[in-house]
Amino acid sequence: MLTAQKRLTLPAATPGTPEYMSPEQASGDEKIDHRSDLYSAGVVLYEMLTGRTPFRADSPSAVIHRILHDTPTDPRTLNDDADPHLASLALRLMAKRPEDRFASAGEALEALETGERVQSPERRRRWHHRLLVGVIVLALICSGTWLLSRAARSSPIAEVMVEKDEKGQNTTTIWARHGDDPEWTLFHRFPPEVGSVCDPVLVDLDGGGRRIVVAGLDVPLDGHNLFAFDACGKESWCLDISSTRRWPDCGPSAYWSCRHLAAGDLDGAPGEELVATASDRSNYPTRISIVDPRAGEIRSTFWHMGQMSQVRIEADFFGPGRPAIIARATNNKLDGFGIPFPPRPYECPPGEDRPRTRYDHVNVAMVLDPRDIDGLGPPRTRRKEVRDIPPARPFAYAFLDMGSGVRSGAYLPDGQTEPVEPEASDTAGIENIELLPRAVSGTAGPWMRVMIGRSESASGAAILTVDRTLALLAAEPQTTERVGLTEDYWRARWRPIIQNGEYVVADPSDE
């Protein structure tokens, strides 16, 4: 019943049920005799032994393709209790070539009654073929691995994607296109318990076209949430980019999810590196890690106190061969530490930043230098939970001094003891950061456009133009719904914290 759609005879096609068709029937051969029925009987026997037909797929055409080209799995592989005699009989009945099956139903019945395993001309021929192939492969290995490398590069992976569900959400299935082939083929399917796969990336390992596919999981699989595969879909390595650390004001972690992946040359050596982000699903911490894709090892990590929304690599940002990592995120701790809010006035422990905003969650933008990202990003703190992580100084870091959302930007007004949710007019978020192609006179590039959106407006709230240190050069209001949303309004709310790797002197804790 579950496969009823595939078991219907196809209209305007060769009559028959796809999963029970013989190869000659599936190929449309006009010379079909009683041996085609013997093949179908073999399928029935196979199904009785294993509980499934030998060739299953998502569409009738795919079933027919498997019948013509695939070899059925030995029933004993699928069912340890399958009788060896009956298993061999089923495989002989389902031989691809009619002449390799029994000559008649009577001959098949005699083989059944002997109770002995049935010899298969097809399997014997296949083993001889494998032996010949093995000899050829050994000769190729002895003659040099350059032939194999050249053959592997003749059909590289051109593109990978994750299948979407009816709501447009990522599923657990990865598809790939090889070389110039326009057809997508199934590359890998994770079990459903992983939830979904963040968009996979292709990583060049040596600068010569030898690439792997790296995918990150929403829910870890066997304790790992990052997986790499070679061009054939074979797993190369897996990695856990989670954290068992308990962060300030946080409960235990449920699990960590992989959120973003990007590939690019970060060190100038041949081949690319991988940038992977993962976040705690229960609490605020996020990590941005640079991963060596050849060894499957983490090189360095920037720890952030908030969730990431966008992470990408910008080549030549600091000059030829000097890339940058550009990210936008929220920050949960720029208002200070405490559950749920610190008392006001807030006395900071030694070495800790005082609150820079009154909102619980604010939007931030950052520019990271891949050569020096190890450590913990703003705000600076010496809380015991993270005392062993040295403070990190991004090349540039700025935040928008507004609540990130009506339900996620709560704050404690001056003179009050209970937190309140901000009005929609006091909320805004960074929706995108992109490089600006044109030069801005009198300033050092590259320049970026920061798109600001407000929850109460369907249109954009403002477009900010910033330089590479995130210094604000211009603010263009995009809505007239409220009087007063001028350039000065946005200038007052854009707050750089770090520029050129140094803290901006905006309060005593920066000195």
Protein backbone atom coordinates (compact mmCIF):
# COMPACT_ATOMS: atom_id res chain seq x y z
CA MET A 1 0.00 0.00 0.00
CA LEU A 2 2.85 2.37 0.86
CA THR A 3 4.34 1.99 -2.60
CA ALA A 4 1.06 1.81 -4.50
CA GLN A 5 1.99 4.70 -6.75
CA LYS A 6 5.05 2.88 -8.06
CA ARG A 7 3.21 -0.42 -8.44
CA LEU A 8 0.71 0.92 -10.98
CA THR A 9 1.23 0.14 -14.65
CA LEU A 10 2.52 3.27 -16.31
CA PRO A 11 0.22 4.82 -18.96
CA ALA A 12 1.58 4.89 -22.51
CA ALA A 13 4.46 2.64 -21.43
CA THR A 14 5.46 -0.99 -21.36
CA PRO A 15 2.69 -2.93 -19.49
CA GLY A 16 3.75 -4.32 -16.13
CA THR A 17 4.40 -3.46 -12.48
CA PRO A 18 7.78 -1.65 -12.33
CA GLU A 19 9.22 -3.42 -9.26
CA TYR A 20 8.46 -6.88 -10.74
CA MET A 21 9.57 -6.22 -14.34
CA SER A 22 12.40 -8.21 -15.82
CA PRO A 23 15.28 -6.23 -17.36
CA GLU A 24 14.20 -7.15 -20.89
CA GLN A 25 10.64 -6.05 -20.15
CA ALA A 26 11.81 -2.79 -18.53
CA SER A 27 14.01 -1.97 -21.54
CA GLY A 28 11.13 -2.50 -23.99
CA ASP A 29 12.66 -5.58 -25.65
CA GLU A 30 10.15 -7.20 -28.02
CA LYS A 31 11.68 -10.68 -27.59
CA ILE A 32 10.21 -11.62 -24.22
CA ASP A 33 9.50 -15.22 -23.25
CA HIS A 34 8.65 -17.32 -20.19
CA ARG A 35 11.99 -16.47 -18.57
CA SER A 36 10.65 -12.99 -17.87
CA ASP A 37 8.00 -14.65 -15.67
CA LEU A 38 10.73 -16.59 -13.90
CA TYR A 39 12.41 -13.26 -13.09
CA SER A 40 9.16 -11.92 -11.59
CA ALA A 41 8.80 -15.10 -9.55
CA GLY A 42 12.30 -14.48 -8.24
CA VAL A 43 11.26 -10.99 -7.14
CA VAL A 44 8.29 -12.47 -5.24
CA LEU A 45 10.56 -15.03 -3.55
CA TYR A 46 13.06 -12.26 -2.70
CA GLU A 47 10.26 -10.21 -1.15
CA MET A 48 9.12 -13.20 0.92
CA LEU A 49 12.66 -13.62 2.26
CA THR A 50 13.39 -9.96 3.04
CA GLY A 51 10.07 -8.17 3.35
CA ARG A 52 10.94 -5.84 0.46
CA THR A 53 11.45 -5.90 -3.29
CA PRO A 54 15.07 -5.82 -4.51
CA PHE A 55 14.88 -2.47 -6.26
CA ARG A 56 13.14 0.49 -4.64
CA ALA A 57 13.33 4.18 -5.52
CA ASP A 58 11.37 7.41 -5.35
CA SER A 59 9.86 7.15 -8.86
CA PRO A 60 8.92 4.42 -11.36
CA SER A 61 11.61 5.59 -13.79
CA ALA A 62 14.22 5.32 -11.05
CA VAL A 63 13.04 1.78 -10.23
CA ILE A 64 13.44 0.79 -13.89
CA HIS A 65 16.93 2.31 -13.96
CA ARG A 66 17.92 0.20 -10.96
CA ILE A 67 16.47 -2.97 -12.51
CA LEU A 68 18.58 -2.40 -15.63
CA HIS A 69 21.84 -1.44 -13.93
CA ASP A 70 21.98 -2.48 -10.24
CA THR A 71 22.76 -5.84 -8.69
CA PRO A 72 20.25 -7.06 -6.06
CA THR A 73 21.58 -7.28 -2.51
CA ASP A 74 21.94 -10.80 -1.19
CA PRO A 75 18.77 -11.52 0.87
CA ARG A 76 20.93 -12.76 3.75
CA THR A 77 22.42 -9.27 4.05
CA LEU A 78 18.96 -7.87 4.72
CA ASN A 79 17.69 -10.80 6.81
CA ASP A 80 20.08 -12.99 8.79
CA ASP A 81 17.40 -15.69 9.02
CA ALA A 82 16.92 -15.99 5.26
CA ASP A 83 17.47 -19.58 4.04
CA PRO A 84 20.75 -19.72 2.02
CA HIS A 85 19.23 -22.17 -0.48
CA LEU A 86 16.17 -19.99 -1.16
CA ALA A 87 18.33 -16.85 -1.26
CA SER A 88 20.56 -18.33 -3.98
CA LEU A 89 17.48 -19.53 -5.89
CA ALA A 90 15.98 -16.02 -5.84
CA LEU A 91 19.22 -14.48 -7.14
CA ARG A 92 19.47 -17.06 -9.96
CA LEU A 93 15.86 -16.34 -10.98
CA MET A 94 16.63 -12.60 -11.06
CA ALA A 95 19.72 -12.85 -13.27
CA LYS A 96 19.98 -9.84 -15.60
CA ARG A 97 20.41 -12.00 -18.73
CA PRO A 98 17.60 -14.49 -19.51
CA GLU A 99 20.12 -17.19 -20.47
CA ASP A 100 21.58 -17.04 -16.94
CA ARG A 101 18.22 -17.97 -15.39
CA PHE A 102 16.68 -21.44 -15.49
CA ALA A 103 15.57 -22.71 -18.89
CA SER A 104 12.07 -23.53 -17.63
CA ALA A 105 9.81 -23.52 -14.59
CA GLY A 106 10.38 -27.27 -14.31
CA GLU A 107 14.14 -26.77 -14.04
CA ALA A 108 13.58 -24.13 -11.36
CA LEU A 109 11.33 -26.54 -9.44
CA GLU A 110 14.01 -29.26 -9.57
CA ALA A 111 16.56 -26.80 -8.14
CA LEU A 112 14.10 -25.91 -5.38
CA GLU A 113 13.56 -29.56 -4.40
CA THR A 114 17.29 -30.39 -4.15
CA GLY A 115 17.64 -28.20 -1.05
CA GLU A 116 21.15 -27.25 -2.16
CA ARG A 117 22.50 -23.79 -2.92
CA VAL A 118 22.07 -22.82 -6.56
CA GLN A 119 25.09 -21.80 -8.60
CA SER A 120 24.74 -18.55 -10.54
CA PRO A 121 26.52 -18.09 -13.89
CA GLU A 122 25.98 -14.36 -13.53
CA ARG A 123 27.66 -14.19 -10.10
CA ARG A 124 30.54 -16.40 -11.30
CA ARG A 125 31.05 -14.11 -14.29
CA ARG A 126 30.88 -11.05 -12.01
CA TRP A 127 33.57 -12.45 -9.72
CA HIS A 128 35.83 -13.10 -12.72
CA HIS A 129 35.20 -9.56 -13.85
CA ARG A 130 36.06 -8.20 -10.39
CA LEU A 131 39.29 -10.21 -10.35
CA LEU A 132 40.25 -8.76 -13.73
CA VAL A 133 39.42 -5.25 -12.54
CA GLY A 134 41.51 -5.82 -9.41
CA VAL A 135 44.51 -6.78 -11.50
CA ILE A 136 44.07 -3.69 -13.67
CA VAL A 137 43.74 -1.41 -10.62
CA LEU A 138 46.86 -2.91 -9.07
CA ALA A 139 48.76 -2.24 -12.29
CA LEU A 140 47.57 1.36 -12.28
CA ILE A 141 48.68 1.83 -8.69
CA CYS A 142 52.09 0.42 -9.46
CA SER A 143 52.46 2.68 -12.50
CA GLY A 144 51.77 5.84 -10.46
CA THR A 145 48.99 7.61 -8.62
CA TRP A 146 48.99 10.56 -11.04
CA LEU A 147 46.66 8.64 -13.39
CA LEU A 148 44.14 8.20 -10.60
CA SER A 149 44.37 11.85 -9.61
CA ARG A 150 43.84 12.98 -13.19
CA ALA A 151 40.84 10.68 -13.57
CA ALA A 152 39.33 11.92 -10.31
CA ARG A 153 39.60 15.52 -11.48
CA SER A 154 38.01 14.87 -14.87
CA SER A 155 34.55 14.95 -13.31
CA PRO A 156 34.65 17.29 -10.29
CA ILE A 157 31.65 18.21 -8.21
CA ALA A 158 30.26 21.37 -9.74
CA GLU A 159 27.55 22.18 -7.21
CA VAL A 160 25.80 20.81 -4.12
CA MET A 161 22.47 21.68 -2.56
CA VAL A 162 20.12 20.54 0.19
CA GLU A 163 16.64 19.39 -0.75
CA LYS A 164 13.84 21.63 0.54
CA ASP A 165 10.51 20.55 1.98
CA GLU A 166 7.11 21.97 1.02
CA LYS A 167 7.71 24.95 3.34
CA GLY A 168 11.08 25.75 1.79
CA GLN A 169 13.03 24.45 4.80
CA ASN A 170 16.21 22.40 4.48
CA THR A 171 15.83 18.63 4.77
CA THR A 172 18.42 15.91 5.42
CA THR A 173 19.12 15.08 1.75
CA ILE A 174 22.11 16.42 -0.22
CA TRP A 175 22.16 16.44 -4.03
CA ALA A 176 25.15 17.07 -6.31
CA ARG A 177 26.01 17.83 -9.92
CA HIS A 178 29.26 16.42 -11.30
CA GLY A 179 31.32 18.19 -13.93
CA ASP A 180 29.21 19.54 -16.79
CA ASP A 181 26.36 17.09 -16.18
CA PRO A 182 23.14 19.13 -15.80
CA GLU A 183 21.42 16.34 -13.87
CA TRP A 184 21.31 16.34 -10.06
CA THR A 185 22.04 13.01 -8.36
CA LEU A 186 21.55 11.89 -4.77
CA PHE A 187 24.80 12.52 -2.89
CA HIS A 188 23.99 11.71 0.75
CA ARG A 189 20.93 11.29 2.95
CA PHE A 190 21.25 11.72 6.71
CA PRO A 191 18.79 9.96 9.05
CA PRO A 192 15.71 12.04 9.92
CA GLU A 193 16.74 12.50 13.56
CA VAL A 194 19.34 15.12 12.54
CA GLY A 195 16.52 17.55 11.78
CA SER A 196 18.03 19.43 8.84
CA VAL A 197 21.33 20.20 7.14
CA CYS A 198 22.67 23.74 6.82
CA ASP A 199 23.64 24.55 3.23
CA PRO A 200 26.72 22.43 2.38
CA VAL A 201 29.87 23.90 0.82
CA LEU A 202 32.54 22.68 -1.58
CA VAL A 203 36.09 23.04 -0.24
CA ASP A 204 39.15 22.98 -2.53
CA LEU A 205 41.77 20.93 -0.71
CA ASP A 206 44.87 21.63 -2.79
CA GLY A 207 44.14 24.49 -5.19
CA GLY A 208 44.03 21.99 -8.05
CA GLY A 209 40.37 21.01 -8.05
CA ARG A 210 40.37 18.14 -5.53
CA ARG A 211 37.32 19.09 -3.50
CA ILE A 212 35.26 17.73 -0.65
CA VAL A 213 31.68 18.42 0.43
CA VAL A 214 31.19 19.64 4.01
CA ALA A 215 27.76 19.67 5.67
CA GLY A 216 26.65 20.82 9.13
CA LEU A 217 23.78 19.34 11.11
CA ASP A 218 21.04 20.99 13.12
CA VAL A 219 21.01 18.08 15.61
CA PRO A 220 24.31 16.20 16.19
CA LEU A 221 24.61 12.64 14.86
CA ASP A 222 26.58 10.28 17.11
CA GLY A 223 28.05 13.33 18.85
CA HIS A 224 29.20 15.10 15.67
CA ASN A 225 27.66 18.05 13.85
CA LEU A 226 30.11 18.59 10.98
CA PHE A 227 30.68 15.97 8.25
CA ALA A 228 33.00 15.91 5.21
CA PHE A 229 32.63 13.66 2.14
CA ASP A 230 34.81 13.00 -0.88
CA ALA A 231 33.55 13.40 -4.45
CA CYS A 232 32.06 9.89 -4.35
CA GLY A 233 30.05 10.56 -1.20
CA LYS A 234 32.35 8.59 1.12
CA GLU A 235 32.77 10.14 4.56
CA SER A 236 36.24 11.68 4.96
CA TRP A 237 35.95 12.92 8.56
CA CYS A 238 33.45 14.13 11.12
CA LEU A 239 33.89 16.72 13.84
CA ASP A 240 32.13 17.96 16.96
CA ILE A 241 32.11 21.77 17.10
CA SER A 242 30.04 21.92 20.27
CA SER A 243 31.07 23.05 23.75
CA THR A 244 30.54 21.46 27.15
CA ARG A 245 31.30 24.76 28.90
CA ARG A 246 28.58 26.26 31.12
CA TRP A 247 28.40 29.98 30.36
CA PRO A 248 27.57 32.84 32.75
CA ASP A 249 23.85 33.10 33.53
CA CYS A 250 23.21 29.92 31.50
CA GLY A 251 21.84 26.51 32.30
CA PRO A 252 23.20 23.24 30.89
CA SER A 253 23.41 22.98 27.11
CA ALA A 254 20.91 20.73 25.33
CA TYR A 255 23.02 20.45 22.16
CA TRP A 256 24.85 22.65 19.65
CA SER A 257 23.71 23.22 16.06
CA CYS A 258 25.86 24.00 13.04
CA ARG A 259 24.54 27.28 11.59
CA HIS A 260 26.76 28.57 8.76
CA LEU A 261 29.55 27.26 6.54
CA ALA A 262 31.88 29.17 4.22
CA ALA A 263 35.03 28.17 2.33
CA GLY A 264 37.93 30.34 1.21
CA ASP A 265 41.70 30.72 1.24
CA LEU A 266 42.48 32.18 4.66
CA ASP A 267 46.22 31.52 4.97
CA GLY A 268 47.66 32.04 1.48
CA ALA A 269 48.71 28.38 1.15
CA PRO A 270 47.28 26.21 -1.68
CA GLY A 271 43.75 25.09 -0.97
CA GLU A 272 40.93 26.55 1.08
CA GLU A 273 39.98 26.62 4.74
CA LEU A 274 36.52 26.18 6.25
CA VAL A 275 34.70 28.68 8.45
CA ALA A 276 32.01 26.96 10.53
CA THR A 277 29.67 28.46 13.11
CA ALA A 278 27.76 26.55 15.76
CA SER A 279 25.44 27.78 18.49
CA ASP A 280 24.02 26.46 21.73
CA ARG A 281 20.33 25.72 21.15
CA SER A 282 19.43 26.47 24.78
CA ASN A 283 21.63 29.48 25.56
CA TYR A 284 23.40 32.44 23.99
CA PRO A 285 26.98 31.32 23.12
CA THR A 286 28.15 30.87 19.52
CA ARG A 287 31.51 29.88 18.10
CA ILE A 288 33.07 30.84 14.76
CA SER A 289 35.78 28.27 14.06
CA ILE A 290 38.38 28.01 11.32
CA VAL A 291 38.68 24.33 10.39
CA ASP A 292 41.52 22.64 8.49
CA PRO A 293 39.53 20.55 5.95
CA ARG A 294 42.47 18.32 5.15
CA ALA A 295 42.92 17.09 8.72
CA GLY A 296 39.37 17.72 9.99
CA GLU A 297 40.74 19.77 12.91
CA ILE A 298 39.81 23.12 14.44
CA ARG A 299 42.60 25.71 14.10
CA SER A 300 41.09 28.63 16.02
CA THR A 301 37.79 29.85 17.46
CA PHE A 302 36.15 33.21 18.09
CA TRP A 303 33.61 32.87 20.91
CA HIS A 304 30.60 35.19 20.79
CA MET A 305 27.89 35.95 23.35
CA GLY A 306 24.90 35.81 21.00
CA GLN A 307 23.42 34.08 17.97
CA MET A 308 24.86 34.48 14.46
CA SER A 309 22.68 35.51 11.51
CA GLN A 310 25.22 35.88 8.69
CA VAL A 311 28.84 34.79 8.26
CA ARG A 312 30.87 35.02 5.07
CA ILE A 313 34.42 35.36 3.79
CA GLU A 314 35.44 38.48 1.86
CA ALA A 315 38.60 37.94 -0.21
CA ASP A 316 41.26 40.67 -0.36
CA PHE A 317 39.45 42.75 2.27
CA PHE A 318 42.68 43.85 3.95
CA GLY A 319 44.66 43.85 0.70
CA PRO A 320 45.70 41.24 -1.91
CA GLY A 321 45.58 37.78 -0.34
CA ARG A 322 44.26 39.15 2.96
CA PRO A 323 40.64 38.06 3.48
CA ALA A 324 38.24 39.00 6.28
CA ILE A 325 35.32 37.25 7.96
CA ILE A 326 32.23 39.47 7.99
CA ALA A 327 29.40 38.59 10.40
CA ARG A 328 26.18 39.99 11.80
CA ALA A 329 24.64 38.67 14.99
CA THR A 330 22.90 39.55 18.23
CA ASN A 331 24.72 40.15 21.49
CA ASN A 332 23.10 39.15 24.79
CA LYS A 333 25.60 40.66 27.20
CA LEU A 334 26.31 44.25 26.17
CA ASP A 335 23.78 45.22 28.87
CA GLY A 336 25.93 43.46 31.48
CA PHE A 337 25.61 40.14 33.27
CA GLY A 338 22.83 39.08 35.61
CA ILE A 339 19.59 37.12 35.86
CA PRO A 340 17.52 38.54 34.36
CA PHE A 341 18.99 42.03 34.69
CA PRO A 342 21.77 43.47 36.82
CA PRO A 343 20.76 46.06 39.40
CA ARG A 344 21.27 49.70 38.52
CA PRO A 345 23.69 51.26 39.12
CA TYR A 346 25.71 48.23 38.07
CA GLU A 347 29.07 47.68 39.74
CA CYS A 348 31.35 45.81 37.35
CA PRO A 349 33.92 43.37 38.72
CA PRO A 350 37.55 44.21 37.89
CA GLY A 351 38.37 43.62 34.23
CA GLU A 352 34.74 43.59 33.12
CA ASP A 353 33.02 46.05 30.77
CA ARG A 354 30.23 48.11 32.20
CA PRO A 355 26.90 47.94 30.32
CA ARG A 356 26.95 49.69 26.96
CA THR A 357 23.20 49.40 26.31
CA ARG A 358 20.04 48.99 28.35
CA TYR A 359 18.54 46.41 25.96
CA ASP A 360 18.84 42.70 26.64
CA HIS A 361 19.49 41.79 22.98
CA VAL A 362 21.05 44.14 20.42
CA ASN A 363 22.20 43.66 16.82
CA VAL A 364 25.93 43.74 16.10
CA ALA A 365 28.25 43.76 13.08
CA MET A 366 31.85 42.56 13.13
CA VAL A 367 34.93 42.26 10.95
CA LEU A 368 37.36 39.49 11.95
CA ASP A 369 40.94 38.99 10.81
CA PRO A 370 41.33 35.20 10.23
CA ARG A 371 44.97 35.38 11.37
CA ASP A 372 43.98 36.43 14.89
CA ILE A 373 40.52 35.41 16.06
CA ASP A 374 41.22 33.07 18.99
CA GLY A 375 39.40 34.22 22.12
CA LEU A 376 36.22 35.70 23.54
CA GLY A 377 34.55 38.68 21.90
CA PRO A 378 32.91 41.70 23.60
CA PRO A 379 32.03 42.35 26.32
CA ARG A 380 35.21 41.72 28.27
CA THR A 381 34.71 39.69 31.41
CA ARG A 382 36.64 37.60 33.90
CA ARG A 383 33.73 35.48 35.06
CA LYS A 384 34.91 32.13 36.33
CA GLU A 385 33.02 30.18 33.64
CA VAL A 386 35.07 31.74 30.81
CA ARG A 387 38.17 32.91 32.63
CA ASP A 388 40.40 30.52 30.70
CA ILE A 389 39.38 32.04 27.33
CA PRO A 390 41.55 35.06 26.52
CA PRO A 391 39.76 38.21 25.31
CA ALA A 392 39.71 38.59 21.53
CA ARG A 393 39.82 41.87 19.66
CA PRO A 394 38.06 41.77 16.30
CA PHE A 395 39.36 44.19 13.69
CA ALA A 396 36.04 46.05 14.03
CA TYR A 397 32.90 45.60 16.12
CA ALA A 398 29.79 47.81 16.37
CA PHE A 399 26.23 47.51 17.65
CA LEU A 400 22.86 49.14 17.04
CA ASP A 401 21.65 50.62 20.32
CA MET A 402 18.04 49.48 19.92
CA GLY A 403 16.16 46.38 21.01
CA SER A 404 16.51 43.55 18.51
CA GLY A 405 12.78 42.79 18.70
CA VAL A 406 9.65 43.47 20.70
CA ARG A 407 9.98 40.10 22.46
CA SER A 408 13.77 39.88 22.62
CA GLY A 409 14.96 43.36 23.53
CA ALA A 410 13.65 43.79 27.09
CA TYR A 411 15.33 46.40 29.24
CA LEU A 412 15.20 47.98 32.70
CA PRO A 413 14.14 51.65 32.52
CA ASP A 414 15.92 54.11 34.78
CA GLY A 415 14.32 54.31 38.21
CA GLN A 416 12.29 51.11 37.78
CA THR A 417 12.79 47.63 39.19
CA GLU A 418 10.86 45.52 36.67
CA PRO A 419 12.01 44.97 33.07
CA VAL A 420 9.71 45.97 30.21
CA GLU A 421 9.50 45.06 26.55
CA PRO A 422 10.45 47.89 24.20
CA GLU A 423 7.93 49.52 21.94
CA ALA A 424 8.12 48.55 18.28
CA SER A 425 9.43 52.03 17.53
CA ASP A 426 12.46 51.30 19.74
CA THR A 427 13.44 48.09 17.92
CA ALA A 428 15.46 47.53 14.77
CA GLY A 429 17.74 44.89 13.34
CA ILE A 430 20.63 44.49 10.92
CA GLU A 431 19.16 42.61 7.97
CA ASN A 432 22.19 42.41 5.70
CA ILE A 433 25.79 43.55 5.28
CA GLU A 434 27.26 43.83 1.79
CA LEU A 435 30.34 45.35 0.20
CA LEU A 436 29.81 48.66 -1.54
CA PRO A 437 31.24 48.70 -5.08
CA ARG A 438 31.72 52.45 -5.29
CA ALA A 439 34.34 54.45 -3.42
CA VAL A 440 33.49 56.96 -0.71
CA SER A 441 35.55 60.08 -1.14
CA GLY A 442 38.13 60.83 1.52
CA THR A 443 37.84 57.48 3.35
CA ALA A 444 39.70 54.17 3.31
CA GLY A 445 37.96 51.21 1.71
CA PRO A 446 36.57 48.72 1.33
CA TRP A 447 33.18 50.16 2.25
CA MET A 448 30.04 48.36 3.32
CA ARG A 449 26.30 48.90 3.21
CA VAL A 450 24.43 47.93 6.39
CA MET A 451 20.72 47.39 5.84
CA ILE A 452 18.59 48.26 8.89
CA GLY A 453 15.00 47.06 9.25
CA ARG A 454 12.38 47.94 11.87
CA SER A 455 9.74 45.52 13.11
CA GLU A 456 6.95 48.07 12.80
CA SER A 457 7.73 48.77 9.16
CA ALA A 458 7.45 46.52 6.15
CA SER A 459 10.05 48.67 4.38
CA GLY A 460 13.66 49.23 5.34
CA ALA A 461 14.35 51.68 8.13
CA ALA A 462 17.75 52.94 7.00
CA ILE A 463 20.81 52.19 4.91
CA LEU A 464 24.08 52.87 6.71
CA THR A 465 27.33 53.33 4.82
CA VAL A 466 30.37 52.35 6.88
CA ASP A 467 34.07 51.95 6.22
CA ARG A 468 36.05 48.82 6.97
CA THR A 469 36.40 49.83 10.64
CA LEU A 470 32.56 50.12 10.82
CA ALA A 471 32.80 53.89 11.26
CA LEU A 472 29.56 55.46 10.08
CA LEU A 473 30.00 57.56 6.93
CA ALA A 474 26.36 58.17 6.00
CA ALA A 475 22.86 57.20 7.08
CA GLU A 476 19.95 57.27 4.64
CA PRO A 477 16.51 56.94 6.30
CA GLN A 478 14.22 54.72 4.22
CA THR A 479 10.88 55.36 5.91
CA THR A 480 8.84 58.43 6.79
CA GLU A 481 6.39 56.66 9.08
CA ARG A 482 7.77 58.50 12.08
CA VAL A 483 8.89 62.06 12.36
CA GLY A 484 12.46 62.34 13.57
CA LEU A 485 14.00 59.28 11.88
CA THR A 486 16.74 61.45 10.48
CA GLU A 487 20.39 60.79 9.77
CA ASP A 488 21.24 62.12 13.24
CA TYR A 489 18.76 59.63 14.74
CA TRP A 490 20.66 56.71 13.25
CA ARG A 491 24.08 58.18 13.93
CA ALA A 492 23.19 58.35 17.62
CA ARG A 493 22.29 54.66 17.67
CA TRP A 494 25.25 53.20 15.73
CA ARG A 495 27.94 52.47 18.32
CA PRO A 496 31.40 51.18 17.28
CA ILE A 497 33.17 49.40 20.15
CA ILE A 498 36.38 48.25 18.42
CA GLN A 499 38.12 49.82 15.41
CA ASN A 500 41.46 48.77 13.91
CA GLY A 501 41.72 46.12 16.61
CA GLU A 502 41.55 48.64 19.46
CA TYR A 503 38.71 49.56 21.81
CA VAL A 504 37.11 52.93 21.12
CA VAL A 505 37.44 55.25 24.13
CA ALA A 506 33.74 55.79 24.90
CA ASP A 507 33.71 55.10 28.63
CA PRO A 508 36.28 54.59 31.41
CA SER A 509 36.41 50.83 30.89
CA ASP A 510 37.88 51.36 27.40
CA GLU A 511 40.92 53.26 28.57
